[in-house]
């Protein structure tokens, strides 16, 4: 259920995304909209960037984080998260 293909991350992040989908996203989609989430919109997990204002690399540099844009519901329009 991803926007741009499978999410390739480190194992711990992949497990967290799976658990979040199963125990959070799908439950909320069912409770609030009486449907299932069909697609997770994201911009990918890997991005070699610095943490703002520091010389340290973001967790994205090691595929340990992901930026979520929103999701699509099976029979409803897309849900987009506000920027930042």
Protein backbone atom coordinates (compact mmCIF):
# COMPACT_ATOMS: atom_id res chain seq x y z
CA UNK A 1 0.00 0.00 0.00
CA UNK A 2 2.60 2.57 -1.04
CA UNK A 3 2.68 5.49 -3.43
CA UNK A 4 5.88 4.86 -5.30
CA UNK A 5 6.51 1.16 -5.02
CA UNK A 6 7.59 -0.94 -2.07
CA UNK A 7 9.05 0.88 0.90
CA UNK A 8 12.66 -0.20 1.36
CA UNK A 9 13.86 0.62 4.85
CA UNK A 10 15.82 -0.95 7.65
CA UNK A 11 13.95 -3.84 9.28
CA UNK A 12 12.88 -1.94 12.41
CA UNK A 13 11.28 0.83 10.33
CA UNK A 14 9.56 -1.67 8.03
CA UNK A 15 8.06 -3.40 11.07
CA UNK A 16 6.85 -0.09 12.53
CA UNK A 17 5.20 0.88 9.23
CA UNK A 18 3.50 -2.52 9.01
CA UNK A 19 2.25 -2.32 12.62
CA UNK A 20 1.05 1.27 12.09
CA UNK A 21 -0.86 0.24 8.97
CA UNK A 22 -2.45 -2.79 10.60
CA UNK A 23 -3.23 -1.30 14.02
CA UNK A 24 -3.66 2.38 13.24
CA UNK A 25 -4.38 3.34 9.67
CA UNK A 26 -6.78 0.50 8.82
CA UNK A 27 -8.66 0.77 12.13
CA UNK A 28 -9.11 4.52 11.78
CA UNK A 29 -10.15 4.25 8.11
CA UNK A 30 -12.79 1.71 9.10
CA UNK A 31 -14.01 3.65 12.15
CA UNK A 32 -14.14 7.09 10.53
CA UNK A 33 -14.91 6.34 6.89
CA UNK A 34 -16.30 2.79 6.91
CA UNK A 35 -13.71 1.69 4.35
CA UNK A 36 -10.11 0.49 4.08
CA UNK A 37 -6.95 2.40 3.22
CA UNK A 38 -5.67 1.27 -0.16
CA UNK A 39 -2.48 3.29 -0.61
CA UNK A 40 0.04 5.03 1.61
CA UNK A 41 1.40 8.18 -0.03
CA UNK A 42 5.02 8.91 0.81
CA UNK A 43 8.17 10.45 -0.62
CA UNK A 44 10.39 7.49 0.16
CA UNK A 45 12.48 6.49 3.13
CA UNK A 46 15.98 7.23 1.84
CA UNK A 47 17.23 10.78 1.62
CA UNK A 48 20.77 11.70 2.62
CA UNK A 49 20.14 15.02 4.34
CA UNK A 50 21.26 16.89 7.42
CA UNK A 51 19.14 17.69 10.45
CA UNK A 52 18.27 21.36 10.17
CA UNK A 53 20.77 23.58 11.96
CA UNK A 54 23.28 20.78 12.66
CA UNK A 55 25.99 18.77 10.95
CA UNK A 56 24.29 15.49 11.90
CA UNK A 57 22.63 13.33 9.25
CA UNK A 58 18.91 12.68 9.44
CA UNK A 59 17.61 9.17 10.11
CA UNK A 60 16.54 9.27 6.46
CA UNK A 61 20.23 8.94 5.53
CA UNK A 62 20.12 5.31 6.68
CA UNK A 63 16.53 4.54 5.56
CA UNK A 64 15.39 4.62 9.18
CA UNK A 65 12.58 7.14 8.63
CA UNK A 66 9.92 7.97 6.08
CA UNK A 67 7.90 11.06 5.21
CA UNK A 68 4.18 10.31 4.88
CA UNK A 69 2.10 12.58 2.63
CA UNK A 70 -1.29 10.96 3.13
CA UNK A 71 -3.32 7.97 2.06
CA UNK A 72 -6.02 6.84 -0.31
CA UNK A 73 -9.18 5.14 0.84
CA UNK A 74 -10.72 2.29 -1.13
CA UNK A 75 -13.91 4.13 -2.06
CA UNK A 76 -13.22 7.74 -1.12
CA UNK A 77 -10.94 10.57 -2.17
CA UNK A 78 -7.36 10.91 -1.08
CA UNK A 79 -6.50 12.19 2.37
CA UNK A 80 -3.50 14.53 2.40
CA UNK A 81 -1.58 15.65 5.44
CA UNK A 82 -0.73 19.34 5.82
CA UNK A 83 2.83 20.33 4.96
CA UNK A 84 5.46 20.14 7.73
